């Protein structure tokens, strides 16, 4: 699992997910890696550039991240979604649950 995290803007952790899929085959590895990166952060952006497919277990992992951050009075934003992944989020009505931004810069700036 290739995840890179770095702080941008006003203490916003940006995590780059560089996998084709977020599904049952790698969701456990994703959860473990994201948990160690997020630790006690409250403002996190997940850059999903390159992700072509998300299944229900991947969606569950993203919801888990959102809940964890909301529990700390924080927020979890998504950006750089492919057209197919965005369509899935809209079909499942997840675009109402997550704050989704076109670009990383927009997502980071939304915390200001």
N, C-alpha and C. Protein backbone atom coordinates (compact mmCIF):
# COMPACT_ATOMS: atom_id res chain seq x y z
N UNK A 1 0.85 -1.18 0.00
CA UNK A 1 0.00 0.00 0.00
C UNK A 1 0.88 1.23 0.00
N UNK A 2 0.68 2.08 -0.99
CA UNK A 2 1.49 3.29 -1.07
C UNK A 2 0.69 4.49 -0.57
N UNK A 3 1.02 4.93 0.63
CA UNK A 3 0.41 6.11 1.23
C UNK A 3 1.51 7.06 1.65
N UNK A 4 1.37 8.31 1.26
CA UNK A 4 2.32 9.33 1.66
C UNK A 4 1.55 10.43 2.38
N UNK A 5 2.07 10.88 3.50
CA UNK A 5 1.41 11.96 4.22
C UNK A 5 2.35 13.11 4.45
N UNK A 6 1.81 14.33 4.29
CA UNK A 6 2.60 15.50 4.62
C UNK A 6 1.66 16.63 5.02
N UNK A 7 2.19 17.54 5.81
CA UNK A 7 1.38 18.65 6.31
C UNK A 7 1.46 19.80 5.31
N UNK A 8 0.29 20.36 5.00
CA UNK A 8 0.19 21.51 4.10
C UNK A 8 -0.71 22.55 4.74
N UNK A 9 -0.62 23.78 4.23
CA UNK A 9 -1.51 24.84 4.70
C UNK A 9 -1.43 25.04 6.19
N UNK A 10 -2.58 25.24 6.80
CA UNK A 10 -2.67 25.49 8.24
C UNK A 10 -2.84 24.18 9.00
N UNK A 11 -1.74 23.42 9.09
CA UNK A 11 -1.72 22.16 9.84
C UNK A 11 -2.73 21.14 9.33
N UNK A 12 -2.82 21.02 8.01
CA UNK A 12 -3.70 20.03 7.38
C UNK A 12 -2.84 18.87 6.88
N UNK A 13 -3.16 17.67 7.34
CA UNK A 13 -2.45 16.48 6.89
C UNK A 13 -3.06 16.04 5.56
N UNK A 14 -2.23 15.98 4.53
CA UNK A 14 -2.68 15.49 3.22
C UNK A 14 -2.07 14.10 3.02
N UNK A 15 -2.96 13.12 2.81
CA UNK A 15 -2.53 11.75 2.57
C UNK A 15 -2.78 11.42 1.10
N UNK A 16 -1.76 11.00 0.42
CA UNK A 16 -1.88 10.61 -0.98
C UNK A 16 -2.05 9.09 -1.05
N UNK A 17 -3.17 8.67 -1.63
CA UNK A 17 -3.43 7.24 -1.83
C UNK A 17 -3.09 6.92 -3.28
N UNK A 18 -2.04 6.14 -3.48
CA UNK A 18 -1.59 5.82 -4.83
C UNK A 18 -1.81 4.34 -5.13
N UNK A 19 -3.06 3.95 -5.15
CA UNK A 19 -3.47 2.58 -5.49
C UNK A 19 -4.57 2.67 -6.54
N UNK A 20 -4.67 1.67 -7.40
CA UNK A 20 -5.75 1.64 -8.38
C UNK A 20 -7.10 1.38 -7.72
N UNK A 21 -7.09 0.54 -6.68
CA UNK A 21 -8.33 0.13 -6.03
C UNK A 21 -8.23 0.29 -4.52
N UNK A 22 -9.37 0.59 -3.92
CA UNK A 22 -9.51 0.52 -2.47
C UNK A 22 -10.65 -0.45 -2.24
N UNK A 23 -10.28 -1.70 -1.97
CA UNK A 23 -11.28 -2.76 -1.90
C UNK A 23 -10.89 -3.80 -0.85
N UNK A 24 -11.63 -4.88 -0.82
CA UNK A 24 -11.41 -5.92 0.19
C UNK A 24 -9.99 -6.46 0.19
N UNK A 25 -9.31 -6.40 -0.95
CA UNK A 25 -7.95 -6.95 -1.04
C UNK A 25 -6.92 -6.11 -0.29
N UNK A 26 -7.19 -4.83 -0.07
CA UNK A 26 -6.18 -3.98 0.57
C UNK A 26 -6.73 -3.07 1.67
N UNK A 27 -7.99 -3.24 2.02
CA UNK A 27 -8.60 -2.30 2.97
C UNK A 27 -7.99 -2.39 4.37
N UNK A 28 -7.61 -3.57 4.81
CA UNK A 28 -7.00 -3.70 6.14
C UNK A 28 -5.66 -2.97 6.17
N UNK A 29 -4.87 -3.14 5.14
CA UNK A 29 -3.58 -2.45 5.04
C UNK A 29 -3.80 -0.93 5.00
N UNK A 30 -4.83 -0.49 4.26
CA UNK A 30 -5.17 0.94 4.19
C UNK A 30 -5.51 1.47 5.58
N UNK A 31 -6.38 0.77 6.29
CA UNK A 31 -6.80 1.23 7.64
C UNK A 31 -5.60 1.37 8.57
N UNK A 32 -4.74 0.37 8.58
CA UNK A 32 -3.57 0.41 9.45
C UNK A 32 -2.65 1.57 9.11
N UNK A 33 -2.39 1.77 7.81
CA UNK A 33 -1.50 2.84 7.37
C UNK A 33 -2.10 4.22 7.67
N UNK A 34 -3.39 4.38 7.42
CA UNK A 34 -4.04 5.67 7.65
C UNK A 34 -4.08 5.98 9.15
N UNK A 35 -4.37 4.98 9.96
CA UNK A 35 -4.42 5.20 11.41
C UNK A 35 -3.08 5.70 11.93
N UNK A 36 -1.99 5.12 11.45
CA UNK A 36 -0.68 5.56 11.94
C UNK A 36 -0.34 6.96 11.44
N UNK A 37 -0.81 7.33 10.26
CA UNK A 37 -0.55 8.68 9.75
C UNK A 37 -1.41 9.72 10.46
N UNK A 38 -2.68 9.39 10.72
CA UNK A 38 -3.60 10.37 11.30
C UNK A 38 -3.33 10.62 12.78
N UNK A 39 -2.95 9.59 13.52
CA UNK A 39 -2.68 9.65 14.96
C UNK A 39 -3.61 10.63 15.66
N UNK A 40 -3.12 11.80 16.06
CA UNK A 40 -3.98 12.75 16.77
C UNK A 40 -4.28 13.99 15.94
N UNK A 41 -4.26 13.85 14.64
CA UNK A 41 -4.61 14.95 13.73
C UNK A 41 -6.12 15.20 13.75
N UNK A 42 -6.52 16.41 13.43
CA UNK A 42 -7.95 16.72 13.34
C UNK A 42 -8.36 17.19 11.95
N UNK A 43 -7.40 17.55 11.11
CA UNK A 43 -7.73 18.03 9.76
C UNK A 43 -6.95 17.22 8.74
N UNK A 44 -7.70 16.39 8.00
CA UNK A 44 -7.06 15.45 7.07
C UNK A 44 -7.75 15.50 5.72
N UNK A 45 -6.94 15.51 4.66
CA UNK A 45 -7.41 15.43 3.28
C UNK A 45 -6.84 14.15 2.68
N UNK A 46 -7.70 13.38 2.03
CA UNK A 46 -7.24 12.19 1.31
C UNK A 46 -7.27 12.49 -0.18
N UNK A 47 -6.09 12.52 -0.78
CA UNK A 47 -5.94 12.74 -2.22
C UNK A 47 -6.08 11.39 -2.92
N UNK A 48 -7.14 11.25 -3.70
CA UNK A 48 -7.47 9.96 -4.32
C UNK A 48 -7.11 9.90 -5.80
N UNK A 49 -6.21 10.74 -6.25
CA UNK A 49 -5.80 10.73 -7.65
C UNK A 49 -5.28 9.34 -8.01
N UNK A 50 -5.76 8.79 -9.07
CA UNK A 50 -5.31 7.47 -9.51
C UNK A 50 -6.18 6.32 -9.05
N UNK A 51 -7.03 6.54 -8.04
CA UNK A 51 -7.92 5.47 -7.57
C UNK A 51 -9.04 5.33 -8.59
N UNK A 52 -9.18 4.11 -9.12
CA UNK A 52 -10.17 3.87 -10.17
C UNK A 52 -11.39 3.13 -9.68
N UNK A 53 -11.28 2.49 -8.49
CA UNK A 53 -12.38 1.68 -8.00
C UNK A 53 -12.39 1.65 -6.48
N UNK A 54 -13.56 1.80 -5.89
CA UNK A 54 -13.75 1.67 -4.44
C UNK A 54 -14.95 0.75 -4.24
N UNK A 55 -14.78 -0.31 -3.44
CA UNK A 55 -15.92 -1.19 -3.15
C UNK A 55 -16.50 -0.84 -1.78
N UNK A 56 -17.46 -1.63 -1.32
CA UNK A 56 -18.14 -1.32 -0.06
C UNK A 56 -17.19 -1.36 1.14
N UNK A 57 -16.21 -2.26 1.13
CA UNK A 57 -15.28 -2.30 2.25
C UNK A 57 -14.36 -1.07 2.24
N UNK A 58 -13.99 -0.60 1.05
CA UNK A 58 -13.21 0.63 0.94
C UNK A 58 -14.00 1.83 1.43
N UNK A 59 -15.26 1.87 1.04
CA UNK A 59 -16.15 2.93 1.50
C UNK A 59 -16.28 2.90 3.02
N UNK A 60 -16.40 1.71 3.57
CA UNK A 60 -16.47 1.56 5.02
C UNK A 60 -15.22 2.09 5.72
N UNK A 61 -14.06 1.85 5.13
CA UNK A 61 -12.81 2.35 5.70
C UNK A 61 -12.77 3.87 5.69
N UNK A 62 -13.27 4.48 4.61
CA UNK A 62 -13.31 5.94 4.52
C UNK A 62 -14.28 6.52 5.55
N UNK A 63 -15.41 5.87 5.73
CA UNK A 63 -16.39 6.30 6.73
C UNK A 63 -15.78 6.19 8.13
N UNK A 64 -15.03 5.14 8.36
CA UNK A 64 -14.36 4.96 9.65
C UNK A 64 -13.39 6.12 9.92
N UNK A 65 -12.65 6.54 8.91
CA UNK A 65 -11.74 7.69 9.06
C UNK A 65 -12.52 8.95 9.41
N UNK A 66 -13.62 9.16 8.71
CA UNK A 66 -14.46 10.34 8.95
C UNK A 66 -14.99 10.32 10.39
N UNK A 67 -15.49 9.20 10.84
CA UNK A 67 -16.04 9.09 12.21
C UNK A 67 -14.95 9.33 13.25
N UNK A 68 -13.79 8.76 13.01
CA UNK A 68 -12.70 8.94 13.97
C UNK A 68 -12.34 10.42 14.11
N UNK A 69 -12.24 11.11 12.98
CA UNK A 69 -11.89 12.53 13.03
C UNK A 69 -13.03 13.37 13.61
N UNK A 70 -14.26 13.03 13.25
CA UNK A 70 -15.40 13.76 13.82
C UNK A 70 -15.44 13.58 15.34
N UNK A 71 -15.04 12.42 15.83
CA UNK A 71 -14.98 12.16 17.26
C UNK A 71 -13.98 13.04 17.98
N UNK A 72 -12.99 13.54 17.25
CA UNK A 72 -11.99 14.45 17.81
C UNK A 72 -12.29 15.90 17.46
N UNK A 73 -13.50 16.15 17.01
CA UNK A 73 -13.91 17.50 16.57
C UNK A 73 -13.12 17.94 15.34
N UNK A 74 -12.75 16.97 14.50
CA UNK A 74 -12.01 17.25 13.28
C UNK A 74 -12.85 16.95 12.06
N UNK A 75 -12.21 16.93 10.90
CA UNK A 75 -12.92 16.63 9.66
C UNK A 75 -11.98 15.93 8.68
N UNK A 76 -12.60 15.20 7.77
CA UNK A 76 -11.91 14.38 6.77
C UNK A 76 -12.47 14.77 5.42
N UNK A 77 -11.62 15.24 4.52
CA UNK A 77 -12.06 15.68 3.21
C UNK A 77 -11.41 14.82 2.14
N UNK A 78 -12.10 14.69 1.01
CA UNK A 78 -11.61 13.89 -0.12
C UNK A 78 -11.37 14.82 -1.30
N UNK A 79 -10.40 14.49 -2.14
CA UNK A 79 -10.15 15.30 -3.34
C UNK A 79 -9.55 14.44 -4.45
N UNK A 80 -9.53 15.04 -5.64
CA UNK A 80 -8.91 14.43 -6.82
C UNK A 80 -9.52 13.09 -7.20
N UNK A 81 -10.85 12.96 -7.04
CA UNK A 81 -11.53 11.70 -7.38
C UNK A 81 -11.66 11.55 -8.89
N UNK A 82 -11.49 10.33 -9.35
CA UNK A 82 -11.74 10.06 -10.77
C UNK A 82 -13.25 10.16 -11.02
N UNK A 83 -13.59 10.29 -12.26
CA UNK A 83 -15.01 10.42 -12.63
C UNK A 83 -15.81 9.19 -12.20
N UNK A 84 -15.23 8.01 -12.36
CA UNK A 84 -15.96 6.78 -12.00
C UNK A 84 -16.16 6.64 -10.50
N UNK A 85 -15.14 7.00 -9.72
CA UNK A 85 -15.28 6.93 -8.26
C UNK A 85 -16.28 7.98 -7.78
N UNK A 86 -16.21 9.16 -8.36
CA UNK A 86 -17.18 10.22 -7.98
C UNK A 86 -18.61 9.76 -8.30
N UNK A 87 -18.80 9.12 -9.44
CA UNK A 87 -20.14 8.61 -9.81
C UNK A 87 -20.63 7.60 -8.80
N UNK A 88 -19.74 6.73 -8.33
CA UNK A 88 -20.11 5.75 -7.31
C UNK A 88 -20.53 6.45 -6.02
N UNK A 89 -19.77 7.46 -5.59
CA UNK A 89 -20.11 8.20 -4.38
C UNK A 89 -21.47 8.87 -4.51
N UNK A 90 -21.76 9.39 -5.70
CA UNK A 90 -23.06 10.03 -5.90
C UNK A 90 -24.18 8.99 -5.93
N UNK A 91 -23.93 7.85 -6.57
CA UNK A 91 -24.93 6.79 -6.61
C UNK A 91 -25.27 6.30 -5.20
N UNK A 92 -24.26 6.17 -4.36
CA UNK A 92 -24.45 5.70 -2.99
C UNK A 92 -24.82 6.84 -2.02
N UNK A 93 -24.95 8.04 -2.56
CA UNK A 93 -25.28 9.25 -1.79
C UNK A 93 -24.19 9.61 -0.76
N UNK A 94 -22.99 9.15 -0.99
CA UNK A 94 -21.88 9.44 -0.09
C UNK A 94 -21.35 10.86 -0.29
N UNK A 95 -21.71 11.49 -1.40
CA UNK A 95 -21.30 12.88 -1.61
C UNK A 95 -22.00 13.81 -0.62
N UNK A 96 -23.04 13.29 0.05
CA UNK A 96 -23.74 14.06 1.09
C UNK A 96 -23.07 13.85 2.45
N UNK A 97 -22.29 12.80 2.58
CA UNK A 97 -21.62 12.48 3.83
C UNK A 97 -20.23 13.09 3.88
N UNK A 98 -19.50 13.01 2.77
CA UNK A 98 -18.13 13.50 2.69
C UNK A 98 -18.08 14.87 2.03
N UNK A 99 -17.10 15.64 2.44
CA UNK A 99 -16.79 16.89 1.77
C UNK A 99 -15.79 16.54 0.66
N UNK A 100 -16.24 16.67 -0.60
CA UNK A 100 -15.43 16.26 -1.75
C UNK A 100 -15.04 17.50 -2.55
N UNK A 101 -13.76 17.60 -2.87
CA UNK A 101 -13.23 18.75 -3.60
C UNK A 101 -12.53 18.29 -4.87
N UNK A 102 -12.58 19.14 -5.87
CA UNK A 102 -11.95 18.82 -7.16
C UNK A 102 -10.43 18.72 -7.04
N UNK A 103 -9.82 19.69 -6.35
CA UNK A 103 -8.37 19.73 -6.26
C UNK A 103 -7.90 19.66 -4.81
N UNK A 104 -6.65 19.29 -4.66
CA UNK A 104 -6.04 19.25 -3.33
C UNK A 104 -6.01 20.65 -2.72
N UNK A 105 -5.66 21.63 -3.52
CA UNK A 105 -5.58 23.02 -3.01
C UNK A 105 -6.93 23.48 -2.46
N UNK A 106 -8.01 23.15 -3.17
CA UNK A 106 -9.36 23.52 -2.69
C UNK A 106 -9.67 22.82 -1.37
N UNK A 107 -9.32 21.54 -1.27
CA UNK A 107 -9.60 20.78 -0.06
C UNK A 107 -8.84 21.34 1.13
N UNK A 108 -7.55 21.65 0.94
CA UNK A 108 -6.75 22.22 2.03
C UNK A 108 -7.28 23.59 2.41
N UNK A 109 -7.60 24.41 1.41
CA UNK A 109 -8.10 25.76 1.67
C UNK A 109 -9.45 25.74 2.39
N UNK A 110 -10.23 24.69 2.21
CA UNK A 110 -11.55 24.62 2.83
C UNK A 110 -11.48 24.58 4.36
N UNK A 111 -10.33 24.26 4.90
CA UNK A 111 -10.16 24.25 6.37
C UNK A 111 -9.91 25.64 6.93
N UNK A 112 -9.61 26.60 6.08
CA UNK A 112 -9.30 27.96 6.57
C UNK A 112 -10.51 28.68 7.06
